[in-house]
């Protein structure tokens, strides 16, 4: 009996492994270049810059679209609470989300 070895495929060669390593390093470099600022902010323990919607609660001038949105969204949340779909803790959270949504859509 003789031992016969099957021919080695290209995927099993050292060249293929080096090519895959080079591709992985290249992808890593591309990601680092693309997200370098975010990585720098994370390592410096600075919060990333996120768009923040600021609203002035004391402002008497509320647009008609904003007022309509608030009435509709908050009304839907109140209805869900009265029907027993959500409890009091959920109501506060859902109301805040509804208000934030309206202010984000109708700000400025």
PDB file of N, CA and C in Angstrom:
ATOM      1  N   UNK A   1       0.822  -1.159   0.000  1.00  0.00           N
ATOM      2  CA  UNK A   1       0.000   0.000   0.000  1.00  0.00           C
ATOM      3  C   UNK A   1       0.881   1.243   0.000  1.00  0.00           C
ATOM      4  N   UNK A   2       0.496   2.125  -0.789  1.00  0.00           N
ATOM      5  CA  UNK A   2       1.263   3.359  -0.884  1.00  0.00           C
ATOM      6  C   UNK A   2       0.390   4.513  -0.420  1.00  0.00           C
ATOM      7  N   UNK A   3       1.044   5.445   0.239  1.00  0.00           N
ATOM      8  CA  UNK A   3       0.322   6.643   0.669  1.00  0.00           C
ATOM      9  C   UNK A   3       0.293   7.633  -0.482  1.00  0.00           C
ATOM     10  N   UNK A   4      -0.897   7.972  -0.863  1.00  0.00           N
ATOM     11  CA  UNK A   4      -1.027   8.982  -1.902  1.00  0.00           C
ATOM     12  C   UNK A   4      -1.636  10.224  -1.265  1.00  0.00           C
ATOM     13  N   UNK A   5      -1.085  11.340  -1.584  1.00  0.00           N
ATOM     14  CA  UNK A   5      -1.631  12.584  -1.037  1.00  0.00           C
ATOM     15  C   UNK A   5      -2.376  13.305  -2.140  1.00  0.00           C
ATOM     16  N   UNK A   6      -3.485  13.864  -1.743  1.00  0.00           N
ATOM     17  CA  UNK A   6      -4.285  14.631  -2.702  1.00  0.00           C
ATOM     18  C   UNK A   6      -3.556  15.940  -2.976  1.00  0.00           C
ATOM     19  N   UNK A   7      -3.696  16.435  -4.165  1.00  0.00           N
ATOM     20  CA  UNK A   7      -3.045  17.713  -4.462  1.00  0.00           C
ATOM     21  C   UNK A   7      -3.633  18.819  -3.578  1.00  0.00           C
ATOM     22  N   UNK A   8      -2.786  19.733  -3.146  1.00  0.00           N
ATOM     23  CA  UNK A   8      -3.194  20.803  -2.254  1.00  0.00           C
ATOM     24  C   UNK A   8      -3.945  21.884  -3.045  1.00  0.00           C
ATOM     25  N   UNK A   9      -5.106  22.291  -2.504  1.00  0.00           N
ATOM     26  CA  UNK A   9      -5.868  23.335  -3.188  1.00  0.00           C
ATOM     27  C   UNK A   9      -5.233  24.697  -2.881  1.00  0.00           C
ATOM     28  N   UNK A  10      -5.596  25.702  -3.683  1.00  0.00           N
ATOM     29  CA  UNK A  10      -5.014  27.024  -3.502  1.00  0.00           C
ATOM     30  C   UNK A  10      -5.399  27.611  -2.144  1.00  0.00           C
ATOM     31  N   UNK A  11      -6.598  27.311  -1.657  1.00  0.00           N
ATOM     32  CA  UNK A  11      -7.051  27.858  -0.376  1.00  0.00           C
ATOM     33  C   UNK A  11      -6.206  27.375   0.788  1.00  0.00           C
ATOM     34  N   UNK A  12      -5.517  26.250   0.625  1.00  0.00           N
ATOM     35  CA  UNK A  12      -4.690  25.706   1.696  1.00  0.00           C
ATOM     36  C   UNK A  12      -3.243  26.170   1.619  1.00  0.00           C
ATOM     37  N   UNK A  13      -2.888  26.982   0.670  1.00  0.00           N
ATOM     38  CA  UNK A  13      -1.493  27.394   0.514  1.00  0.00           C
ATOM     39  C   UNK A  13      -1.187  28.597   1.394  1.00  0.00           C
ATOM     40  N   UNK A  14       0.094  28.793   1.635  1.00  0.00           N
ATOM     41  CA  UNK A  14       0.538  29.918   2.444  1.00  0.00           C
ATOM     42  C   UNK A  14       0.252  31.236   1.738  1.00  0.00           C
ATOM     43  N   UNK A  15       0.282  31.240   0.423  1.00  0.00           N
ATOM     44  CA  UNK A  15      -0.003  32.461  -0.347  1.00  0.00           C
ATOM     45  C   UNK A  15      -1.446  32.902  -0.104  1.00  0.00           C
ATOM     46  N   UNK A  16      -2.380  31.983  -0.117  1.00  0.00           N
ATOM     47  CA  UNK A  16      -3.788  32.319   0.110  1.00  0.00           C
ATOM     48  C   UNK A  16      -3.979  32.874   1.514  1.00  0.00           C
ATOM     49  N   UNK A  17      -3.291  32.324   2.478  1.00  0.00           N
ATOM     50  CA  UNK A  17      -3.406  32.810   3.855  1.00  0.00           C
ATOM     51  C   UNK A  17      -2.813  34.208   4.000  1.00  0.00           C
ATOM     52  N   UNK A  18      -1.724  34.466   3.329  1.00  0.00           N
ATOM     53  CA  UNK A  18      -1.125  35.797   3.368  1.00  0.00           C
ATOM     54  C   UNK A  18      -2.031  36.828   2.675  1.00  0.00           C
ATOM     55  N   UNK A  19      -2.663  36.425   1.582  1.00  0.00           N
ATOM     56  CA  UNK A  19      -3.593  37.318   0.891  1.00  0.00           C
ATOM     57  C   UNK A  19      -4.785  37.639   1.800  1.00  0.00           C
ATOM     58  N   UNK A  20      -5.322  36.646   2.482  1.00  0.00           N
ATOM     59  CA  UNK A  20      -6.461  36.890   3.375  1.00  0.00           C
ATOM     60  C   UNK A  20      -6.052  37.767   4.556  1.00  0.00           C
ATOM     61  N   UNK A  21      -4.830  37.584   5.063  1.00  0.00           N
ATOM     62  CA  UNK A  21      -4.338  38.441   6.137  1.00  0.00           C
ATOM     63  C   UNK A  21      -4.198  39.883   5.655  1.00  0.00           C
ATOM     64  N   UNK A  22      -3.684  40.065   4.449  1.00  0.00           N
ATOM     65  CA  UNK A  22      -3.533  41.404   3.887  1.00  0.00           C
ATOM     66  C   UNK A  22      -4.895  42.072   3.701  1.00  0.00           C
ATOM     67  N   UNK A  23      -5.883  41.329   3.256  1.00  0.00           N
ATOM     68  CA  UNK A  23      -7.230  41.875   3.087  1.00  0.00           C
ATOM     69  C   UNK A  23      -7.821  42.275   4.440  1.00  0.00           C
ATOM     70  N   UNK A  24      -7.626  41.455   5.463  1.00  0.00           N
ATOM     71  CA  UNK A  24      -8.139  41.772   6.794  1.00  0.00           C
ATOM     72  C   UNK A  24      -7.485  43.035   7.348  1.00  0.00           C
ATOM     73  N   UNK A  25      -6.175  43.165   7.168  1.00  0.00           N
ATOM     74  CA  UNK A  25      -5.472  44.363   7.637  1.00  0.00           C
ATOM     75  C   UNK A  25      -5.974  45.593   6.866  1.00  0.00           C
ATOM     76  N   UNK A  26      -6.163  45.466   5.571  1.00  0.00           N
ATOM     77  CA  UNK A  26      -6.647  46.574   4.754  1.00  0.00           C
ATOM     78  C   UNK A  26      -8.043  47.024   5.207  1.00  0.00           C
ATOM     79  N   UNK A  27      -8.918  46.088   5.492  1.00  0.00           N
ATOM     80  CA  UNK A  27     -10.262  46.424   5.974  1.00  0.00           C
ATOM     81  C   UNK A  27     -10.174  47.130   7.326  1.00  0.00           C
ATOM     82  N   UNK A  28      -9.292  46.647   8.197  1.00  0.00           N
ATOM     83  CA  UNK A  28      -9.098  47.293   9.496  1.00  0.00           C
ATOM     84  C   UNK A  28      -8.611  48.723   9.354  1.00  0.00           C
ATOM     85  N   UNK A  29      -7.674  48.963   8.440  1.00  0.00           N
ATOM     86  CA  UNK A  29      -7.163  50.313   8.209  1.00  0.00           C
ATOM     87  C   UNK A  29      -8.265  51.208   7.660  1.00  0.00           C
ATOM     88  N   UNK A  30      -9.052  50.702   6.739  1.00  0.00           N
ATOM     89  CA  UNK A  30     -10.155  51.493   6.173  1.00  0.00           C
ATOM     90  C   UNK A  30     -11.151  51.868   7.264  1.00  0.00           C
ATOM     91  N   UNK A  31     -11.521  50.914   8.120  1.00  0.00           N
ATOM     92  CA  UNK A  31     -12.436  51.215   9.220  1.00  0.00           C
ATOM     93  C   UNK A  31     -11.846  52.256  10.160  1.00  0.00           C
ATOM     94  N   UNK A  32     -10.558  52.125  10.471  1.00  0.00           N
ATOM     95  CA  UNK A  32      -9.928  53.066  11.383  1.00  0.00           C
ATOM     96  C   UNK A  32      -9.906  54.473  10.792  1.00  0.00           C
ATOM     97  N   UNK A  33      -9.586  54.585   9.518  1.00  0.00           N
ATOM     98  CA  UNK A  33      -9.553  55.898   8.879  1.00  0.00           C
ATOM     99  C   UNK A  33     -10.952  56.497   8.843  1.00  0.00           C
ATOM    100  N   UNK A  34     -11.941  55.684   8.556  1.00  0.00           N
ATOM    101  CA  UNK A  34     -13.315  56.177   8.447  1.00  0.00           C
ATOM    102  C   UNK A  34     -13.855  56.623   9.801  1.00  0.00           C
ATOM    103  N   UNK A  35     -13.542  55.885  10.865  1.00  0.00           N
ATOM    104  CA  UNK A  35     -14.073  56.180  12.196  1.00  0.00           C
ATOM    105  C   UNK A  35     -13.006  56.683  13.160  1.00  0.00           C
ATOM    106  N   UNK A  36     -11.947  57.291  12.674  1.00  0.00           N
ATOM    107  CA  UNK A  36     -10.852  57.734  13.538  1.00  0.00           C
ATOM    108  C   UNK A  36     -11.313  58.745  14.576  1.00  0.00           C
ATOM    109  N   UNK A  37     -12.164  59.694  14.187  1.00  0.00           N
ATOM    110  CA  UNK A  37     -12.642  60.699  15.141  1.00  0.00           C
ATOM    111  C   UNK A  37     -13.474  60.059  16.248  1.00  0.00           C
ATOM    112  N   UNK A  38     -14.338  59.130  15.882  1.00  0.00           N
ATOM    113  CA  UNK A  38     -15.156  58.460  16.890  1.00  0.00           C
ATOM    114  C   UNK A  38     -14.299  57.618  17.826  1.00  0.00           C
ATOM    115  N   UNK A  39     -13.308  56.944  17.280  1.00  0.00           N
ATOM    116  CA  UNK A  39     -12.411  56.142  18.110  1.00  0.00           C
ATOM    117  C   UNK A  39     -11.627  57.052  19.042  1.00  0.00           C
ATOM    118  N   UNK A  40     -11.170  58.193  18.533  1.00  0.00           N
ATOM    119  CA  UNK A  40     -10.463  59.152  19.376  1.00  0.00           C
ATOM    120  C   UNK A  40     -11.334  59.670  20.501  1.00  0.00           C
ATOM    121  N   UNK A  41     -12.591  59.956  20.216  1.00  0.00           N
ATOM    122  CA  UNK A  41     -13.513  60.432  21.263  1.00  0.00           C
ATOM    123  C   UNK A  41     -13.749  59.361  22.322  1.00  0.00           C
ATOM    124  N   UNK A  42     -13.861  58.124  21.898  1.00  0.00           N
ATOM    125  CA  UNK A  42     -14.075  57.042  22.861  1.00  0.00           C
ATOM    126  C   UNK A  42     -12.862  56.825  23.745  1.00  0.00           C
ATOM    127  N   UNK A  43     -11.675  56.880  23.173  1.00  0.00           N
ATOM    128  CA  UNK A  43     -10.474  56.662  23.976  1.00  0.00           C
ATOM    129  C   UNK A  43     -10.175  57.854  24.864  1.00  0.00           C
ATOM    130  N   UNK A  44     -10.627  59.040  24.500  1.00  0.00           N
ATOM    131  CA  UNK A  44     -10.432  60.233  25.331  1.00  0.00           C
ATOM    132  C   UNK A  44     -11.575  60.408  26.318  1.00  0.00           C
ATOM    133  N   UNK A  45     -12.494  59.463  26.347  1.00  0.00           N
ATOM    134  CA  UNK A  45     -13.658  59.468  27.227  1.00  0.00           C
ATOM    135  C   UNK A  45     -14.512  60.716  27.037  1.00  0.00           C
ATOM    136  N   UNK A  46     -14.642  61.144  25.804  1.00  0.00           N
ATOM    137  CA  UNK A  46     -15.525  62.249  25.471  1.00  0.00           C
ATOM    138  C   UNK A  46     -16.750  61.668  24.791  1.00  0.00           C
ATOM    139  N   UNK A  47     -17.911  62.203  25.095  1.00  0.00           N
ATOM    140  CA  UNK A  47     -19.105  61.677  24.434  1.00  0.00           C
ATOM    141  C   UNK A  47     -19.092  62.037  22.956  1.00  0.00           C
ATOM    142  N   UNK A  48     -19.590  61.141  22.118  1.00  0.00           N
ATOM    143  CA  UNK A  48     -19.656  61.455  20.689  1.00  0.00           C
ATOM    144  C   UNK A  48     -20.642  62.587  20.445  1.00  0.00           C
ATOM    145  N   UNK A  49     -20.405  63.316  19.378  1.00  0.00           N
ATOM    146  CA  UNK A  49     -21.289  64.422  19.051  1.00  0.00           C
ATOM    147  C   UNK A  49     -22.561  63.876  18.421  1.00  0.00           C
ATOM    148  N   UNK A  50     -23.659  64.058  19.128  1.00  0.00           N
ATOM    149  CA  UNK A  50     -24.950  63.595  18.646  1.00  0.00           C
ATOM    150  C   UNK A  50     -25.843  64.802  18.416  1.00  0.00           C
ATOM    151  N   UNK A  51     -26.720  64.707  17.441  1.00  0.00           N
ATOM    152  CA  UNK A  51     -27.648  65.820  17.268  1.00  0.00           C
ATOM    153  C   UNK A  51     -28.608  65.874  18.455  1.00  0.00           C
ATOM    154  N   UNK A  52     -28.718  67.028  19.052  1.00  0.00           N
ATOM    155  CA  UNK A  52     -29.564  67.194  20.223  1.00  0.00           C
ATOM    156  C   UNK A  52     -30.670  68.183  19.880  1.00  0.00           C
ATOM    157  N   UNK A  53     -31.879  67.783  20.158  1.00  0.00           N
ATOM    158  CA  UNK A  53     -33.022  68.659  19.944  1.00  0.00           C
ATOM    159  C   UNK A  53     -33.292  69.361  21.264  1.00  0.00           C
ATOM    160  N   UNK A  54     -33.161  70.663  21.255  1.00  0.00           N
ATOM    161  CA  UNK A  54     -33.429  71.426  22.464  1.00  0.00           C
ATOM    162  C   UNK A  54     -34.748  72.165  22.289  1.00  0.00           C
ATOM    163  N   UNK A  55     -35.500  72.161  23.338  1.00  0.00           N
ATOM    164  CA  UNK A  55     -36.774  72.858  23.268  1.00  0.00           C
ATOM    165  C   UNK A  55     -36.890  73.787  24.469  1.00  0.00           C
ATOM    166  N   UNK A  56     -37.592  74.824  24.266  1.00  0.00           N
ATOM    167  CA  UNK A  56     -37.807  75.803  25.317  1.00  0.00           C
ATOM    168  C   UNK A  56     -39.217  75.611  25.836  1.00  0.00           C
ATOM    169  N   UNK A  57     -39.331  75.062  27.027  1.00  0.00           N
ATOM    170  CA  UNK A  57     -40.643  74.733  27.576  1.00  0.00           C
ATOM    171  C   UNK A  57     -41.440  75.983  27.929  1.00  0.00           C
ATOM    172  N   UNK A  58     -40.777  77.107  28.137  1.00  0.00           N
ATOM    173  CA  UNK A  58     -41.491  78.312  28.523  1.00  0.00           C
ATOM    174  C   UNK A  58     -41.910  79.158  27.327  1.00  0.00           C
ATOM    175  N   UNK A  59     -41.557  78.715  26.133  1.00  0.00           N
ATOM    176  CA  UNK A  59     -41.870  79.491  24.946  1.00  0.00           C
ATOM    177  C   UNK A  59     -43.375  79.450  24.672  1.00  0.00           C
ATOM    178  N   UNK A  60     -44.028  80.618  24.618  1.00  0.00           N
ATOM    179  CA  UNK A  60     -45.468  80.614  24.383  1.00  0.00           C
ATOM    180  C   UNK A  60     -45.826  80.368  22.921  1.00  0.00           C
ATOM    181  N   UNK A  61     -44.888  80.604  22.025  1.00  0.00           N
ATOM    182  CA  UNK A  61     -45.179  80.477  20.594  1.00  0.00           C
ATOM    183  C   UNK A  61     -44.925  79.045  20.145  1.00  0.00           C
ATOM    184  N   UNK A  62     -45.998  78.293  19.988  1.00  0.00           N
ATOM    185  CA  UNK A  62     -45.912  76.928  19.486  1.00  0.00           C
ATOM    186  C   UNK A  62     -46.654  76.906  18.161  1.00  0.00           C
ATOM    187  N   UNK A  63     -45.987  76.382  17.163  1.00  0.00           N
ATOM    188  CA  UNK A  63     -46.602  76.336  15.849  1.00  0.00           C
ATOM    189  C   UNK A  63     -47.843  75.462  15.833  1.00  0.00           C
ATOM    190  N   UNK A  64     -48.688  75.703  14.862  1.00  0.00           N
ATOM    191  CA  UNK A  64     -49.938  74.946  14.752  1.00  0.00           C
ATOM    192  C   UNK A  64     -49.653  73.475  14.472  1.00  0.00           C
ATOM    193  N   UNK A  65     -48.639  73.205  13.621  1.00  0.00           N
ATOM    194  CA  UNK A  65     -48.307  71.811  13.319  1.00  0.00           C
ATOM    195  C   UNK A  65     -47.798  71.095  14.560  1.00  0.00           C
ATOM    196  N   UNK A  66     -46.962  71.778  15.342  1.00  0.00           N
ATOM    197  CA  UNK A  66     -46.440  71.192  16.562  1.00  0.00           C
ATOM    198  C   UNK A  66     -47.563  70.947  17.557  1.00  0.00           C
ATOM    199  N   UNK A  67     -48.432  71.906  17.713  1.00  0.00           N
ATOM    200  CA  UNK A  67     -49.553  71.756  18.647  1.00  0.00           C
ATOM    201  C   UNK A  67     -50.449  70.585  18.241  1.00  0.00           C
ATOM    202  N   UNK A  68     -50.719  70.461  16.961  1.00  0.00           N
ATOM    203  CA  UNK A  68     -51.558  69.362  16.476  1.00  0.00           C
ATOM    204  C   UNK A  68     -50.877  68.022  16.713  1.00  0.00           C
ATOM    205  N   UNK A  69     -49.576  67.965  16.456  1.00  0.00           N
ATOM    206  CA  UNK A  69     -48.830  66.724  16.678  1.00  0.00           C
ATOM    207  C   UNK A  69     -48.862  66.331  18.153  1.00  0.00           C
ATOM    208  N   UNK A  70     -48.627  67.311  19.040  1.00  0.00           N
ATOM    209  CA  UNK A  70     -48.642  67.025  20.477  1.00  0.00           C
ATOM    210  C   UNK A  70     -50.006  66.528  20.928  1.00  0.00           C
ATOM    211  N   UNK A  71     -51.060  67.181  20.460  1.00  0.00           N
ATOM    212  CA  UNK A  71     -52.408  66.769  20.845  1.00  0.00           C
ATOM    213  C   UNK A  71     -52.696  65.348  20.393  1.00  0.00           C
ATOM    214  N   UNK A  72     -52.297  65.040  19.162  1.00  0.00           N
ATOM    215  CA  UNK A  72     -52.582  63.709  18.621  1.00  0.00           C
ATOM    216  C   UNK A  72     -51.754  62.638  19.322  1.00  0.00           C
ATOM    217  N   UNK A  73     -50.446  62.848  19.412  1.00  0.00           N
ATOM    218  CA  UNK A  73     -49.568  61.817  19.986  1.00  0.00           C
ATOM    219  C   UNK A  73     -49.830  61.615  21.472  1.00  0.00           C
ATOM    220  N   UNK A  74     -49.897  62.720  22.218  1.00  0.00           N
ATOM    221  CA  UNK A  74     -50.133  62.592  23.657  1.00  0.00           C
ATOM    222  C   UNK A  74     -51.542  62.059  23.903  1.00  0.00           C
ATOM    223  N   UNK A  75     -52.490  62.446  23.065  1.00  0.00           N
ATOM    224  CA  UNK A  75     -53.841  61.903  23.184  1.00  0.00           C
ATOM    225  C   UNK A  75     -53.873  60.396  22.972  1.00  0.00           C
ATOM    226  N   UNK A  76     -53.097  59.917  22.002  1.00  0.00           N
ATOM    227  CA  UNK A  76     -53.022  58.468  21.770  1.00  0.00           C
ATOM    228  C   UNK A  76     -52.444  57.751  22.985  1.00  0.00           C
ATOM    229  N   UNK A  77     -51.432  58.362  23.605  1.00  0.00           N
ATOM    230  CA  UNK A  77     -50.819  57.748  24.788  1.00  0.00           C
ATOM    231  C   UNK A  77     -51.805  57.740  25.953  1.00  0.00           C
ATOM    232  N   UNK A  78     -52.540  58.838  26.140  1.00  0.00           N
ATOM    233  CA  UNK A  78     -53.550  58.888  27.214  1.00  0.00           C
ATOM    234  C   UNK A  78     -54.637  57.831  26.984  1.00  0.00           C
ATOM    235  N   UNK A  79     -55.013  57.654  25.733  1.00  0.00           N
ATOM    236  CA  UNK A  79     -56.017  56.649  25.402  1.00  0.00           C
ATOM    237  C   UNK A  79     -55.510  55.247  25.726  1.00  0.00           C
ATOM    238  N   UNK A  80     -54.234  54.990  25.411  1.00  0.00           N
ATOM    239  CA  UNK A  80     -53.651  53.682  25.729  1.00  0.00           C
ATOM    240  C   UNK A  80     -53.652  53.444  27.232  1.00  0.00           C
ATOM    241  N   UNK A  81     -53.382  54.493  28.017  1.00  0.00           N
ATOM    242  CA  UNK A  81     -53.377  54.354  29.464  1.00  0.00           C
ATOM    243  C   UNK A  81     -54.792  54.100  29.985  1.00  0.00           C
ATOM    244  N   UNK A  82     -55.765  54.830  29.456  1.00  0.00           N
ATOM    245  CA  UNK A  82     -57.139  54.662  29.930  1.00  0.00           C
ATOM    246  C   UNK A  82     -57.710  53.294  29.557  1.00  0.00           C
ATOM    247  N   UNK A  83     -57.238  52.731  28.462  1.00  0.00           N
ATOM    248  CA  UNK A  83     -57.692  51.403  28.057  1.00  0.00           C
ATOM    249  C   UNK A  83     -56.948  50.286  28.781  1.00  0.00           C
ATOM    250  N   UNK A  84     -55.927  50.639  29.556  1.00  0.00           N
ATOM    251  CA  UNK A  84     -55.173  49.637  30.304  1.00  0.00           C
ATOM    252  C   UNK A  84     -54.092  48.948  29.495  1.00  0.00           C
ATOM    253  N   UNK A  85     -53.762  49.489  28.344  1.00  0.00           N
ATOM    254  CA  UNK A  85     -52.719  48.901  27.510  1.00  0.00           C
ATOM    255  C   UNK A  85     -51.349  49.135  28.136  1.00  0.00           C
ATOM    256  N   UNK A  86     -51.165  50.322  28.748  1.00  0.00           N
ATOM    257  CA  UNK A  86     -49.900  50.646  29.409  1.00  0.00           C
ATOM    258  C   UNK A  86     -50.192  51.077  30.835  1.00  0.00           C
ATOM    259  N   UNK A  87     -49.197  50.893  31.720  1.00  0.00           N
ATOM    260  CA  UNK A  87     -49.363  51.303  33.114  1.00  0.00           C
ATOM    261  C   UNK A  87     -48.832  52.727  33.305  1.00  0.00           C
ATOM    262  N   UNK A  88     -48.850  53.220  34.553  1.00  0.00           N
ATOM    263  CA  UNK A  88     -48.463  54.607  34.821  1.00  0.00           C
ATOM    264  C   UNK A  88     -46.995  54.874  34.501  1.00  0.00           C
ATOM    265  N   UNK A  89     -46.118  53.927  34.834  1.00  0.00           N
ATOM    266  CA  UNK A  89     -44.692  54.116  34.546  1.00  0.00           C
ATOM    267  C   UNK A  89     -44.447  54.160  33.039  1.00  0.00           C
ATOM    268  N   UNK A  90     -45.135  53.302  32.315  1.00  0.00           N
ATOM    269  CA  UNK A  90     -45.008  53.307  30.863  1.00  0.00           C
ATOM    270  C   UNK A  90     -45.597  54.573  30.266  1.00  0.00           C
ATOM    271  N   UNK A  91     -46.659  55.089  30.886  1.00  0.00           N
ATOM    272  CA  UNK A  91     -47.295  56.306  30.388  1.00  0.00           C
ATOM    273  C   UNK A  91     -46.307  57.467  30.366  1.00  0.00           C
ATOM    274  N   UNK A  92     -45.570  57.625  31.447  1.00  0.00           N
ATOM    275  CA  UNK A  92     -44.611  58.735  31.521  1.00  0.00           C
ATOM    276  C   UNK A  92     -43.550  58.605  30.429  1.00  0.00           C
ATOM    277  N   UNK A  93     -43.069  57.395  30.237  1.00  0.00           N
ATOM    278  CA  UNK A  93     -42.045  57.171  29.207  1.00  0.00           C
ATOM    279  C   UNK A  93     -42.611  57.372  27.804  1.00  0.00           C
ATOM    280  N   UNK A  94     -43.785  56.835  27.535  1.00  0.00           N
ATOM    281  CA  UNK A  94     -44.397  56.963  26.212  1.00  0.00           C
ATOM    282  C   UNK A  94     -44.752  58.418  25.905  1.00  0.00           C
ATOM    283  N   UNK A  95     -45.226  59.133  26.914  1.00  0.00           N
ATOM    284  CA  UNK A  95     -45.562  60.544  26.705  1.00  0.00           C
ATOM    285  C   UNK A  95     -44.312  61.338  26.347  1.00  0.00           C
ATOM    286  N   UNK A  96     -43.228  61.087  27.079  1.00  0.00           N
ATOM    287  CA  UNK A  96     -41.972  61.793  26.791  1.00  0.00           C
ATOM    288  C   UNK A  96     -41.492  61.500  25.380  1.00  0.00           C
ATOM    289  N   UNK A  97     -41.583  60.251  24.975  1.00  0.00           N
ATOM    290  CA  UNK A  97     -41.176  59.882  23.612  1.00  0.00           C
ATOM    291  C   UNK A  97     -42.059  60.560  22.565  1.00  0.00           C
ATOM    292  N   UNK A  98     -43.351  60.629  22.837  1.00  0.00           N
ATOM    293  CA  UNK A  98     -44.272  61.280  21.898  1.00  0.00           C
ATOM    294  C   UNK A  98     -43.945  62.766  21.774  1.00  0.00           C
ATOM    295  N   UNK A  99     -43.677  63.413  22.894  1.00  0.00           N
ATOM    296  CA  UNK A  99     -43.325  64.831  22.863  1.00  0.00           C
ATOM    297  C   UNK A  99     -42.007  65.048  22.121  1.00  0.00           C
ATOM    298  N   UNK A 100     -41.021  64.210  22.418  1.00  0.00           N
ATOM    299  CA  UNK A 100     -39.723  64.328  21.743  1.00  0.00           C
ATOM    300  C   UNK A 100     -39.867  64.158  20.237  1.00  0.00           C
ATOM    301  N   UNK A 101     -40.716  63.225  19.834  1.00  0.00           N
ATOM    302  CA  UNK A 101     -40.945  62.994  18.406  1.00  0.00           C
ATOM    303  C   UNK A 101     -41.538  64.235  17.754  1.00  0.00           C
ATOM    304  N   UNK A 102     -42.529  64.817  18.395  1.00  0.00           N
ATOM    305  CA  UNK A 102     -43.175  66.008  17.817  1.00  0.00           C
ATOM    306  C   UNK A 102     -42.201  67.183  17.756  1.00  0.00           C
ATOM    307  N   UNK A 103     -41.448  67.401  18.823  1.00  0.00           N
ATOM    308  CA  UNK A 103     -40.483  68.500  18.814  1.00  0.00           C
ATOM    309  C   UNK A 103     -39.400  68.277  17.778  1.00  0.00           C
ATOM    310  N   UNK A 104     -38.986  67.033  17.592  1.00  0.00           N
ATOM    311  CA  UNK A 104     -37.955  66.744  16.588  1.00  0.00           C
ATOM    312  C   UNK A 104     -38.481  66.977  15.179  1.00  0.00           C
ATOM    313  N   UNK A 105     -39.724  66.624  14.941  1.00  0.00           N
ATOM    314  CA  UNK A 105     -40.301  66.791  13.595  1.00  0.00           C
ATOM    315  C   UNK A 105     -40.626  68.247  13.271  1.00  0.00           C
ATOM    316  N   UNK A 106     -41.004  69.024  14.285  1.00  0.00           N
ATOM    317  CA  UNK A 106     -41.507  70.366  14.017  1.00  0.00           C
ATOM    318  C   UNK A 106     -40.642  71.468  14.609  1.00  0.00           C
ATOM    319  N   UNK A 107     -39.395  71.154  14.932  1.00  0.00           N
ATOM    320  CA  UNK A 107     -38.532  72.209  15.484  1.00  0.00           C
ATOM    321  C   UNK A 107     -37.991  73.061  14.349  1.00  0.00           C
ATOM    322  N   UNK A 108     -37.960  74.328  14.601  1.00  0.00           N
ATOM    323  CA  UNK A 108     -37.429  75.352  13.686  1.00  0.00           C
ATOM    324  C   UNK A 108     -38.184  75.430  12.439  1.00  0.00           C
TER     325      UNK A 108
END
